[in-house]
Amino acid sequence: MTSSLQARLTRLKGQISTIIVGKPAQIDDSIACLLAGGHLLIEDVPGVGKTTLAHVLAVSLGLSFSRVQFTADLMPSDLVGVSVYERSKEAFVFHPGPVFAQVLLADEINRAGPKTQSALLEAMEEQQVSVDGETRPLPLPFFVIATQNPGDQLGTYALPESQLDRFLMCITLGYPDAKSERELLAGQDRREAVARLTPVMTPAELVETMAAVRQVHVSDSLLDYLQALIAATRSGHWFGEGLSPRAGIGVLRLARARALLAGRDFVSPDDLQAILPQAIAHRLIPVPGAGRGRREQVRAMIESVALT
């Protein structure tokens, strides 16, 4: 890794941490998800900084940003846009929706109905949308950050499994520790602080950094270990159904990104172990009687798989 690339990533993490206080692991996970070319789901109670994190990422990377508040009456056309007849032009003119941004914040995604949730699928997977029979490409890079309230809150709908699988990573922010919360209480308003931020990386530099992720070395023994972990998810001992090949490829991309953030040009087993709960727990359902939550079940599985 070049020193300029490492300095770039250090500046990025440093700027985000001035706003999202006391959450270095979640910041690293968010950046890794972006560098790996994936989409991020943040599941937590309201008010812990989910929306702020998305905004800070977009501003720090110099990316266009759009926010959509998902509600029960939100329609798919409210996301992708609509063609409107303009008399002056005597033709239908397409008016793009908020999905045509480099960072799309889908706020409280599970408050919208299934049809609107599904409207994101093509955009997230193909980086394009189809409107009136015409395919329209989305700007690159394209990154969806969706926030989700706990499923036991009123007015929420469970995300379909097909959509959950499109999110490369799912994280929680959690409440701040006492020191960090004191800093938030005594400090400036976070919205004002975000408004004063300037980009520390250009979109072109981001694309260059994403390309560097793909060059991080993965040894044969590391691939053996990853395959053993994937096989464990499919064994029927830990989860009802195991990881898909697409999920396995995504895990490897995340491990590469995490290694790059750590200043290394190779992936270590620690990288896999660190990102695996956030990368796969939202895709899997523990077997009946497991007595653990999804992430705890993933961690227990990791401990059972020997390094090769």
C-alpha atoms as a PDB file:
ATOM      1  CA  MET A   1       0.000   0.000   0.000  1.00  0.00           C
ATOM      2  CA  THR A   2       1.282   3.455  -0.897  1.00  0.00           C
ATOM      3  CA  SER A   3       1.761   6.028   1.830  1.00  0.00           C
ATOM      4  CA  SER A   4      -0.660   8.403   0.081  1.00  0.00           C
ATOM      5  CA  LEU A   5      -3.391   5.774   0.108  1.00  0.00           C
ATOM      6  CA  GLN A   6      -2.846   5.041   3.791  1.00  0.00           C
ATOM      7  CA  ALA A   7      -2.856   8.763   4.620  1.00  0.00           C
ATOM      8  CA  ARG A   8      -6.092   9.166   2.664  1.00  0.00           C
ATOM      9  CA  LEU A   9      -7.827   6.437   4.661  1.00  0.00           C
ATOM     10  CA  THR A  10      -6.467   7.783   7.944  1.00  0.00           C
ATOM     11  CA  ARG A  11      -7.874  11.245   7.188  1.00  0.00           C
ATOM     12  CA  LEU A  12     -11.229   9.712   6.286  1.00  0.00           C
ATOM     13  CA  LYS A  13     -11.495   7.716   9.511  1.00  0.00           C
ATOM     14  CA  GLY A  14     -10.283  10.696  11.542  1.00  0.00           C
ATOM     15  CA  GLN A  15     -12.863  13.095  10.149  1.00  0.00           C
ATOM     16  CA  ILE A  16     -15.772  10.692  10.624  1.00  0.00           C
ATOM     17  CA  SER A  17     -14.705   9.978  14.207  1.00  0.00           C
ATOM     18  CA  THR A  18     -14.981  13.684  15.081  1.00  0.00           C
ATOM     19  CA  ILE A  19     -18.736  13.412  14.491  1.00  0.00           C
ATOM     20  CA  ILE A  20     -19.474   9.750  15.271  1.00  0.00           C
ATOM     21  CA  VAL A  21     -17.790   9.667  18.663  1.00  0.00           C
ATOM     22  CA  GLY A  22     -16.597   6.489  20.356  1.00  0.00           C
ATOM     23  CA  LYS A  23     -17.519   4.096  17.543  1.00  0.00           C
ATOM     24  CA  PRO A  24     -14.225   3.191  15.780  1.00  0.00           C
ATOM     25  CA  ALA A  25     -15.273  -0.376  14.935  1.00  0.00           C
ATOM     26  CA  GLN A  26     -18.538   0.760  13.319  1.00  0.00           C
ATOM     27  CA  ILE A  27     -16.706   3.465  11.373  1.00  0.00           C
ATOM     28  CA  ASP A  28     -14.223   0.903  10.056  1.00  0.00           C
ATOM     29  CA  ASP A  29     -17.066  -1.437   9.115  1.00  0.00           C
ATOM     30  CA  SER A  30     -18.908   1.320   7.242  1.00  0.00           C
ATOM     31  CA  ILE A  31     -15.822   2.364   5.269  1.00  0.00           C
ATOM     32  CA  ALA A  32     -14.960  -1.269   4.512  1.00  0.00           C
ATOM     33  CA  CYS A  33     -18.464  -1.867   3.201  1.00  0.00           C
ATOM     34  CA  LEU A  34     -18.190   1.118   0.876  1.00  0.00           C
ATOM     35  CA  LEU A  35     -14.705   0.194  -0.332  1.00  0.00           C
ATOM     36  CA  ALA A  36     -15.936  -3.336  -1.025  1.00  0.00           C
ATOM     37  CA  GLY A  37     -18.631  -1.924  -3.306  1.00  0.00           C
ATOM     38  CA  GLY A  38     -21.522  -3.043  -1.103  1.00  0.00           C
ATOM     39  CA  HIS A  39     -24.546  -1.573   0.610  1.00  0.00           C
ATOM     40  CA  LEU A  40     -24.909  -1.026   4.337  1.00  0.00           C
ATOM     41  CA  LEU A  41     -27.843  -1.716   6.653  1.00  0.00           C
ATOM     42  CA  ILE A  42     -27.797  -0.045  10.070  1.00  0.00           C
ATOM     43  CA  GLU A  43     -30.263  -1.537  12.534  1.00  0.00           C
ATOM     44  CA  ASP A  44     -30.796   0.298  15.794  1.00  0.00           C
ATOM     45  CA  VAL A  45     -33.168   2.378  17.878  1.00  0.00           C
ATOM     46  CA  PRO A  46     -33.841   5.969  16.754  1.00  0.00           C
ATOM     47  CA  GLY A  47     -31.466   8.722  17.808  1.00  0.00           C
ATOM     48  CA  VAL A  48     -28.100   6.971  18.004  1.00  0.00           C
ATOM     49  CA  GLY A  49     -26.547   8.561  14.894  1.00  0.00           C
ATOM     50  CA  LYS A  50     -27.521   6.304  11.983  1.00  0.00           C
ATOM     51  CA  THR A  51     -28.541   9.157   9.687  1.00  0.00           C
ATOM     52  CA  THR A  52     -25.597  11.288  10.758  1.00  0.00           C
ATOM     53  CA  LEU A  53     -23.128   8.527   9.890  1.00  0.00           C
ATOM     54  CA  ALA A  54     -24.529   8.258   6.359  1.00  0.00           C
ATOM     55  CA  HIS A  55     -24.361  12.022   5.846  1.00  0.00           C
ATOM     56  CA  VAL A  56     -20.809  12.294   7.180  1.00  0.00           C
ATOM     57  CA  LEU A  57     -19.623   9.497   4.872  1.00  0.00           C
ATOM     58  CA  ALA A  58     -21.096  11.221   1.831  1.00  0.00           C
ATOM     59  CA  VAL A  59     -19.676  14.649   2.700  1.00  0.00           C
ATOM     60  CA  SER A  60     -16.224  13.287   3.577  1.00  0.00           C
ATOM     61  CA  LEU A  61     -16.009  11.479   0.232  1.00  0.00           C
ATOM     62  CA  GLY A  62     -17.343  14.358  -1.858  1.00  0.00           C
ATOM     63  CA  LEU A  63     -20.282  12.263  -3.078  1.00  0.00           C
ATOM     64  CA  SER A  64     -23.755  13.456  -4.007  1.00  0.00           C
ATOM     65  CA  PHE A  65     -26.188  12.634  -1.231  1.00  0.00           C
ATOM     66  CA  SER A  66     -29.895  12.003  -1.160  1.00  0.00           C
ATOM     67  CA  ARG A  67     -32.145  11.074   1.755  1.00  0.00           C
ATOM     68  CA  VAL A  68     -35.537   9.398   1.533  1.00  0.00           C
ATOM     69  CA  GLN A  69     -37.739   9.008   4.581  1.00  0.00           C
ATOM     70  CA  PHE A  70     -39.511   5.690   4.092  1.00  0.00           C
ATOM     71  CA  THR A  71     -43.165   5.790   5.120  1.00  0.00           C
ATOM     72  CA  ALA A  72     -46.174   3.538   4.625  1.00  0.00           C
ATOM     73  CA  ASP A  73     -47.433   5.619   1.692  1.00  0.00           C
ATOM     74  CA  LEU A  74     -44.095   5.910  -0.154  1.00  0.00           C
ATOM     75  CA  MET A  75     -44.423   4.641  -3.735  1.00  0.00           C
ATOM     76  CA  PRO A  76     -41.721   3.101  -5.964  1.00  0.00           C
ATOM     77  CA  SER A  77     -41.976   6.081  -8.323  1.00  0.00           C
ATOM     78  CA  ASP A  78     -41.089   8.341  -5.385  1.00  0.00           C
ATOM     79  CA  LEU A  79     -37.687   6.620  -5.413  1.00  0.00           C
ATOM     80  CA  VAL A  80     -36.802   6.069  -9.053  1.00  0.00           C
ATOM     81  CA  GLY A  81     -38.616   8.990 -10.666  1.00  0.00           C
ATOM     82  CA  VAL A  82     -41.421   9.451 -13.148  1.00  0.00           C
ATOM     83  CA  SER A  83     -42.008  10.617 -16.722  1.00  0.00           C
ATOM     84  CA  VAL A  84     -44.189  13.716 -16.977  1.00  0.00           C
ATOM     85  CA  TYR A  85     -45.697  15.123 -20.154  1.00  0.00           C
ATOM     86  CA  GLU A  86     -44.410  18.634 -20.832  1.00  0.00           C
ATOM     87  CA  ARG A  87     -46.559  20.575 -23.236  1.00  0.00           C
ATOM     88  CA  SER A  88     -43.780  22.936 -24.241  1.00  0.00           C
ATOM     89  CA  LYS A  89     -41.722  19.975 -25.489  1.00  0.00           C
ATOM     90  CA  GLU A  90     -44.717  17.945 -26.631  1.00  0.00           C
ATOM     91  CA  ALA A  91     -43.128  14.875 -25.081  1.00  0.00           C
ATOM     92  CA  PHE A  92     -42.776  12.954 -21.862  1.00  0.00           C
ATOM     93  CA  VAL A  93     -39.724  14.062 -19.888  1.00  0.00           C
ATOM     94  CA  PHE A  94     -38.171  11.870 -17.224  1.00  0.00           C
ATOM     95  CA  HIS A  95     -37.734  13.464 -13.813  1.00  0.00           C
ATOM     96  CA  PRO A  96     -35.194  11.400 -11.865  1.00  0.00           C
ATOM     97  CA  GLY A  97     -35.958  10.430  -8.299  1.00  0.00           C
ATOM     98  CA  PRO A  98     -33.643  10.548  -5.295  1.00  0.00           C
ATOM     99  CA  VAL A  99     -32.139   7.169  -6.164  1.00  0.00           C
ATOM    100  CA  PHE A 100     -29.974   9.016  -8.718  1.00  0.00           C
ATOM    101  CA  ALA A 101     -27.349   9.957  -6.136  1.00  0.00           C
ATOM    102  CA  GLN A 102     -24.016   8.414  -5.249  1.00  0.00           C
ATOM    103  CA  VAL A 103     -25.073   7.900  -1.631  1.00  0.00           C
ATOM    104  CA  LEU A 104     -28.732   7.147  -1.008  1.00  0.00           C
ATOM    105  CA  LEU A 105     -29.915   7.137   2.585  1.00  0.00           C
ATOM    106  CA  ALA A 106     -33.037   4.977   2.864  1.00  0.00           C
ATOM    107  CA  ASP A 107     -34.128   6.127   6.301  1.00  0.00           C
ATOM    108  CA  GLU A 108     -36.274   3.717   8.317  1.00  0.00           C
ATOM    109  CA  ILE A 109     -36.569   1.405   5.337  1.00  0.00           C
ATOM    110  CA  ASN A 110     -38.759  -1.079   7.179  1.00  0.00           C
ATOM    111  CA  ARG A 111     -41.567   1.465   7.636  1.00  0.00           C
ATOM    112  CA  ALA A 112     -42.423   1.271   3.923  1.00  0.00           C
ATOM    113  CA  GLY A 113     -44.464  -1.471   2.331  1.00  0.00           C
ATOM    114  CA  PRO A 114     -42.896  -4.458   0.555  1.00  0.00           C
ATOM    115  CA  LYS A 115     -43.424  -3.018  -2.966  1.00  0.00           C
ATOM    116  CA  THR A 116     -41.435   0.104  -2.166  1.00  0.00           C
ATOM    117  CA  GLN A 117     -38.724  -1.873  -0.383  1.00  0.00           C
ATOM    118  CA  SER A 118     -38.427  -4.081  -3.455  1.00  0.00           C
ATOM    119  CA  ALA A 119     -38.061  -1.043  -5.719  1.00  0.00           C
ATOM    120  CA  LEU A 120     -34.483  -0.744  -4.472  1.00  0.00           C
ATOM    121  CA  LEU A 121     -33.495  -4.271  -5.521  1.00  0.00           C
ATOM    122  CA  GLU A 122     -32.553  -3.574  -9.135  1.00  0.00           C
ATOM    123  CA  ALA A 123     -30.753  -0.381  -8.162  1.00  0.00           C
ATOM    124  CA  MET A 124     -28.738  -2.124  -5.452  1.00  0.00           C
ATOM    125  CA  GLU A 125     -27.826  -5.155  -7.520  1.00  0.00           C
ATOM    126  CA  GLU A 126     -27.498  -3.797 -11.063  1.00  0.00           C
ATOM    127  CA  GLN A 127     -26.751  -0.109 -10.371  1.00  0.00           C
ATOM    128  CA  GLN A 128     -29.519   0.825 -12.762  1.00  0.00           C
ATOM    129  CA  VAL A 129     -33.285   1.330 -12.748  1.00  0.00           C
ATOM    130  CA  SER A 130     -35.937   0.584 -15.352  1.00  0.00           C
ATOM    131  CA  VAL A 131     -38.607   3.230 -15.877  1.00  0.00           C
ATOM    132  CA  ASP A 132     -41.205   3.125 -18.658  1.00  0.00           C
ATOM    133  CA  GLY A 133     -39.342   0.307 -20.353  1.00  0.00           C
ATOM    134  CA  GLU A 134     -36.043   2.208 -20.457  1.00  0.00           C
ATOM    135  CA  THR A 135     -32.974   1.267 -18.446  1.00  0.00           C
ATOM    136  CA  ARG A 136     -31.229   4.193 -16.812  1.00  0.00           C
ATOM    137  CA  PRO A 137     -27.773   3.832 -15.223  1.00  0.00           C
ATOM    138  CA  LEU A 138     -27.128   5.197 -11.761  1.00  0.00           C
ATOM    139  CA  PRO A 139     -24.107   7.364 -10.913  1.00  0.00           C
ATOM    140  CA  LEU A 140     -20.927   5.600  -9.859  1.00  0.00           C
ATOM    141  CA  PRO A 141     -20.006   4.811  -7.214  1.00  0.00           C
ATOM    142  CA  PHE A 142     -23.502   4.031  -5.946  1.00  0.00           C
ATOM    143  CA  PHE A 143     -23.914   3.237  -2.282  1.00  0.00           C
ATOM    144  CA  VAL A 144     -27.134   2.601  -0.348  1.00  0.00           C
ATOM    145  CA  ILE A 145     -27.154   3.117   3.382  1.00  0.00           C
ATOM    146  CA  ALA A 146     -30.444   1.957   4.870  1.00  0.00           C
ATOM    147  CA  THR A 147     -31.478   2.432   8.475  1.00  0.00           C
ATOM    148  CA  GLN A 148     -33.894   0.059  10.146  1.00  0.00           C
ATOM    149  CA  ASN A 149     -35.728   0.262  13.438  1.00  0.00           C
ATOM    150  CA  PRO A 150     -36.094  -2.873  15.551  1.00  0.00           C
ATOM    151  CA  GLY A 151     -38.837  -5.106  14.196  1.00  0.00           C
ATOM    152  CA  ASP A 152     -40.875  -5.000  17.382  1.00  0.00           C
ATOM    153  CA  GLN A 153     -41.599  -1.274  16.944  1.00  0.00           C
ATOM    154  CA  LEU A 154     -45.020  -0.224  15.673  1.00  0.00           C
ATOM    155  CA  GLY A 155     -45.427   0.407  11.953  1.00  0.00           C
ATOM    156  CA  THR A 156     -42.517  -1.721  10.762  1.00  0.00           C
ATOM    157  CA  TYR A 157     -42.415  -4.414   8.089  1.00  0.00           C
ATOM    158  CA  ALA A 158     -39.862  -7.200   7.950  1.00  0.00           C
ATOM    159  CA  LEU A 159     -37.469  -6.824   5.030  1.00  0.00           C
ATOM    160  CA  PRO A 160     -37.755  -9.702   2.542  1.00  0.00           C
ATOM    161  CA  GLU A 161     -34.855 -12.156   2.537  1.00  0.00           C
ATOM    162  CA  SER A 162     -33.994 -11.238  -1.056  1.00  0.00           C
ATOM    163  CA  GLN A 163     -33.448  -7.632  -0.029  1.00  0.00           C
ATOM    164  CA  LEU A 164     -31.532  -8.469   3.130  1.00  0.00           C
ATOM    165  CA  ASP A 165     -29.144 -10.477   0.967  1.00  0.00           C
ATOM    166  CA  ARG A 166     -28.380  -7.361  -1.097  1.00  0.00           C
ATOM    167  CA  PHE A 167     -26.903  -5.643   1.949  1.00  0.00           C
ATOM    168  CA  LEU A 168     -23.255  -6.604   2.192  1.00  0.00           C
ATOM    169  CA  MET A 169     -23.117  -5.700   5.874  1.00  0.00           C
ATOM    170  CA  CYS A 170     -25.486  -5.007   8.756  1.00  0.00           C
ATOM    171  CA  ILE A 171     -24.212  -3.109  11.792  1.00  0.00           C
ATOM    172  CA  THR A 172     -25.577  -1.581  14.975  1.00  0.00           C
ATOM    173  CA  LEU A 173     -24.276   1.618  16.550  1.00  0.00           C
ATOM    174  CA  GLY A 174     -25.635   1.176  20.050  1.00  0.00           C
ATOM    175  CA  TYR A 175     -25.682   3.713  22.838  1.00  0.00           C
ATOM    176  CA  PRO A 176     -22.457   5.660  23.446  1.00  0.00           C
ATOM    177  CA  ASP A 177     -20.312   4.963  26.470  1.00  0.00           C
ATOM    178  CA  ALA A 178     -20.324   7.514  29.287  1.00  0.00           C
ATOM    179  CA  LYS A 179     -17.224   9.381  28.063  1.00  0.00           C
ATOM    180  CA  SER A 180     -18.467   9.647  24.481  1.00  0.00           C
ATOM    181  CA  GLU A 181     -21.941  10.696  25.550  1.00  0.00           C
ATOM    182  CA  ARG A 182     -20.475  13.433  27.757  1.00  0.00           C
ATOM    183  CA  GLU A 183     -18.521  14.677  24.745  1.00  0.00           C
ATOM    184  CA  LEU A 184     -21.728  14.739  22.697  1.00  0.00           C
ATOM    185  CA  LEU A 185     -23.657  16.560  25.417  1.00  0.00           C
ATOM    186  CA  ALA A 186     -20.960  19.176  25.968  1.00  0.00           C
ATOM    187  CA  GLY A 187     -20.021  19.615  22.325  1.00  0.00           C
ATOM    188  CA  GLN A 188     -21.474  21.466  19.384  1.00  0.00           C
ATOM    189  CA  ASP A 189     -24.616  20.483  17.509  1.00  0.00           C
ATOM    190  CA  ARG A 190     -23.753  17.604  15.195  1.00  0.00           C
ATOM    191  CA  ARG A 191     -25.798  18.998  12.318  1.00  0.00           C
ATOM    192  CA  GLU A 192     -23.809  22.220  12.432  1.00  0.00           C
ATOM    193  CA  ALA A 193     -20.566  20.252  12.645  1.00  0.00           C
ATOM    194  CA  VAL A 194     -21.486  18.165   9.589  1.00  0.00           C
ATOM    195  CA  ALA A 195     -22.352  21.325   7.650  1.00  0.00           C
ATOM    196  CA  ARG A 196     -18.800  22.593   8.183  1.00  0.00           C
ATOM    197  CA  LEU A 197     -17.089  19.418   6.961  1.00  0.00           C
ATOM    198  CA  THR A 198     -15.198  19.354   3.680  1.00  0.00           C
ATOM    199  CA  PRO A 199     -14.281  16.317   1.557  1.00  0.00           C
ATOM    200  CA  VAL A 200     -11.061  14.532   2.465  1.00  0.00           C
ATOM    201  CA  MET A 201     -11.235  12.301  -0.607  1.00  0.00           C
ATOM    202  CA  THR A 202     -12.517  12.925  -4.118  1.00  0.00           C
ATOM    203  CA  PRO A 203     -14.820  10.500  -5.936  1.00  0.00           C
ATOM    204  CA  ALA A 204     -11.931   9.662  -8.284  1.00  0.00           C
ATOM    205  CA  GLU A 205      -9.688   8.844  -5.319  1.00  0.00           C
ATOM    206  CA  LEU A 206     -12.465   6.690  -3.877  1.00  0.00           C
ATOM    207  CA  VAL A 207     -12.693   4.700  -7.105  1.00  0.00           C
ATOM    208  CA  GLU A 208      -8.907   4.312  -7.044  1.00  0.00           C
ATOM    209  CA  THR A 209      -9.047   3.072  -3.449  1.00  0.00           C
ATOM    210  CA  MET A 210     -11.815   0.602  -4.308  1.00  0.00           C
ATOM    211  CA  ALA A 211      -9.595  -0.742  -7.074  1.00  0.00           C
ATOM    212  CA  ALA A 212      -6.769  -1.161  -4.559  1.00  0.00           C
ATOM    213  CA  VAL A 213      -9.053  -3.375  -2.441  1.00  0.00           C
ATOM    214  CA  ARG A 214      -9.273  -5.856  -5.300  1.00  0.00           C
ATOM    215  CA  GLN A 215      -5.468  -6.124  -5.354  1.00  0.00           C
ATOM    216  CA  VAL A 216      -5.162  -7.208  -1.705  1.00  0.00           C
ATOM    217  CA  HIS A 217      -3.613 -10.685  -1.642  1.00  0.00           C
ATOM    218  CA  VAL A 218      -5.590 -13.714  -0.485  1.00  0.00           C
ATOM    219  CA  SER A 219      -3.592 -16.896   0.171  1.00  0.00           C
ATOM    220  CA  ASP A 220      -4.792 -20.423  -0.605  1.00  0.00           C
ATOM    221  CA  SER A 221      -4.852 -21.232   3.112  1.00  0.00           C
ATOM    222  CA  LEU A 222      -7.085 -18.216   3.759  1.00  0.00           C
ATOM    223  CA  LEU A 223      -9.465 -19.389   1.027  1.00  0.00           C
ATOM    224  CA  ASP A 224      -9.495 -22.839   2.660  1.00  0.00           C
ATOM    225  CA  TYR A 225     -10.465 -21.218   5.964  1.00  0.00           C
ATOM    226  CA  LEU A 226     -13.211 -19.165   4.313  1.00  0.00           C
ATOM    227  CA  GLN A 227     -14.600 -22.269   2.621  1.00  0.00           C
ATOM    228  CA  ALA A 228     -14.604 -24.087   5.952  1.00  0.00           C
ATOM    229  CA  LEU A 229     -16.607 -21.252   7.507  1.00  0.00           C
ATOM    230  CA  ILE A 230     -19.068 -21.248   4.613  1.00  0.00           C
ATOM    231  CA  ALA A 231     -19.434 -25.026   4.873  1.00  0.00           C
ATOM    232  CA  ALA A 232     -20.160 -24.686   8.598  1.00  0.00           C
ATOM    233  CA  THR A 233     -23.100 -22.370   7.849  1.00  0.00           C
ATOM    234  CA  ARG A 234     -24.498 -25.051   5.513  1.00  0.00           C
ATOM    235  CA  SER A 235     -23.967 -27.989   7.864  1.00  0.00           C
ATOM    236  CA  GLY A 236     -27.400 -27.700   9.469  1.00  0.00           C
ATOM    237  CA  HIS A 237     -25.821 -27.549  12.907  1.00  0.00           C
ATOM    238  CA  TRP A 238     -25.798 -23.779  13.275  1.00  0.00           C
ATOM    239  CA  PHE A 239     -28.316 -22.344  10.815  1.00  0.00           C
ATOM    240  CA  GLY A 240     -31.397 -23.484   8.953  1.00  0.00           C
ATOM    241  CA  GLU A 241     -29.892 -22.556   5.580  1.00  0.00           C
ATOM    242  CA  GLY A 242     -26.318 -21.642   4.781  1.00  0.00           C
ATOM    243  CA  LEU A 243     -24.566 -18.874   2.905  1.00  0.00           C
ATOM    244  CA  SER A 244     -24.971 -18.485  -0.831  1.00  0.00           C
ATOM    245  CA  PRO A 245     -21.913 -18.256  -3.122  1.00  0.00           C
ATOM    246  CA  ARG A 246     -22.718 -14.557  -3.603  1.00  0.00           C
ATOM    247  CA  ALA A 247     -22.530 -14.001   0.145  1.00  0.00           C
ATOM    248  CA  GLY A 248     -19.198 -15.814   0.313  1.00  0.00           C
ATOM    249  CA  ILE A 249     -17.767 -13.576  -2.400  1.00  0.00           C
ATOM    250  CA  GLY A 250     -19.015 -10.546  -0.486  1.00  0.00           C
ATOM    251  CA  VAL A 251     -17.339 -11.726   2.714  1.00  0.00           C
ATOM    252  CA  LEU A 252     -14.036 -11.974   0.880  1.00  0.00           C
ATOM    253  CA  ARG A 253     -14.418  -8.456  -0.534  1.00  0.00           C
ATOM    254  CA  LEU A 254     -15.057  -7.139   2.967  1.00  0.00           C
ATOM    255  CA  ALA A 255     -12.031  -8.968   4.370  1.00  0.00           C
ATOM    256  CA  ARG A 256      -9.862  -7.405   1.659  1.00  0.00           C
ATOM    257  CA  ALA A 257     -11.221  -3.960   2.484  1.00  0.00           C
ATOM    258  CA  ARG A 258     -10.603  -4.439   6.185  1.00  0.00           C
ATOM    259  CA  ALA A 259      -7.008  -5.508   5.502  1.00  0.00           C
ATOM    260  CA  LEU A 260      -6.489  -2.375   3.410  1.00  0.00           C
ATOM    261  CA  LEU A 261      -7.874  -0.199   6.214  1.00  0.00           C
ATOM    262  CA  ALA A 262      -5.397  -1.860   8.575  1.00  0.00           C
ATOM    263  CA  GLY A 263      -2.532  -0.928   6.253  1.00  0.00           C
ATOM    264  CA  ARG A 264      -1.869  -4.433   4.928  1.00  0.00           C
ATOM    265  CA  ASP A 265      -1.757  -5.804   1.396  1.00  0.00           C
ATOM    266  CA  PHE A 266      -2.860  -9.301   2.444  1.00  0.00           C
ATOM    267  CA  VAL A 267      -5.873 -10.764   4.232  1.00  0.00           C
ATOM    268  CA  SER A 268      -5.400 -12.473   7.595  1.00  0.00           C
ATOM    269  CA  PRO A 269      -7.766 -14.847   9.443  1.00  0.00           C
ATOM    270  CA  ASP A 270      -8.397 -12.014  11.906  1.00  0.00           C
ATOM    271  CA  ASP A 271      -9.941  -9.992   9.080  1.00  0.00           C
ATOM    272  CA  LEU A 272     -12.429 -12.751   8.314  1.00  0.00           C
ATOM    273  CA  GLN A 273     -13.293 -13.302  11.960  1.00  0.00           C
ATOM    274  CA  ALA A 274     -13.773  -9.586  12.587  1.00  0.00           C
ATOM    275  CA  ILE A 275     -16.195  -8.930   9.729  1.00  0.00           C
ATOM    276  CA  LEU A 276     -18.074 -12.223   9.601  1.00  0.00           C
ATOM    277  CA  PRO A 277     -20.823 -11.472  12.197  1.00  0.00           C
ATOM    278  CA  GLN A 278     -21.684  -8.146  10.543  1.00  0.00           C
ATOM    279  CA  ALA A 279     -21.456  -9.684   7.061  1.00  0.00           C
ATOM    280  CA  ILE A 280     -23.577 -12.808   7.450  1.00  0.00           C
ATOM    281  CA  ALA A 281     -25.751 -12.736  10.596  1.00  0.00           C
ATOM    282  CA  HIS A 282     -28.551 -10.792   8.879  1.00  0.00           C
ATOM    283  CA  ARG A 283     -28.710 -13.465   6.143  1.00  0.00           C
ATOM    284  CA  LEU A 284     -29.001 -16.492   8.439  1.00  0.00           C
ATOM    285  CA  ILE A 285     -31.520 -17.885  10.916  1.00  0.00           C
ATOM    286  CA  PRO A 286     -30.179 -19.980  13.814  1.00  0.00           C
ATOM    287  CA  VAL A 287     -31.521 -23.512  14.134  1.00  0.00           C
ATOM    288  CA  PRO A 288     -34.446 -23.921  16.553  1.00  0.00           C
ATOM    289  CA  GLY A 289     -33.358 -24.146  20.138  1.00  0.00           C
ATOM    290  CA  ALA A 290     -29.998 -22.485  19.565  1.00  0.00           C
ATOM    291  CA  GLY A 291     -30.583 -20.163  22.498  1.00  0.00           C
ATOM    292  CA  ARG A 292     -28.473 -17.413  20.901  1.00  0.00           C
ATOM    293  CA  GLY A 293     -29.054 -14.384  18.751  1.00  0.00           C
ATOM    294  CA  ARG A 294     -27.842 -14.388  15.152  1.00  0.00           C
ATOM    295  CA  ARG A 295     -24.519 -12.688  15.811  1.00  0.00           C
ATOM    296  CA  GLU A 296     -23.796 -14.758  18.895  1.00  0.00           C
ATOM    297  CA  GLN A 297     -24.497 -17.873  16.843  1.00  0.00           C
ATOM    298  CA  VAL A 298     -22.029 -16.725  14.177  1.00  0.00           C
ATOM    299  CA  ARG A 299     -19.348 -16.089  16.802  1.00  0.00           C
ATOM    300  CA  ALA A 300     -19.915 -19.521  18.331  1.00  0.00           C
ATOM    301  CA  MET A 301     -19.610 -21.076  14.885  1.00  0.00           C
ATOM    302  CA  ILE A 302     -16.333 -19.242  14.244  1.00  0.00           C
ATOM    303  CA  GLU A 303     -14.888 -20.658  17.454  1.00  0.00           C
ATOM    304  CA  SER A 304     -15.816 -24.174  16.318  1.00  0.00           C
ATOM    305  CA  VAL A 305     -14.023 -23.962  12.959  1.00  0.00           C
ATOM    306  CA  ALA A 306     -10.319 -24.712  13.152  1.00  0.00           C
ATOM    307  CA  LEU A 307      -7.806 -22.661  11.203  1.00  0.00           C
ATOM    308  CA  THR A 308      -6.373 -24.692   8.353  1.00  0.00           C
END
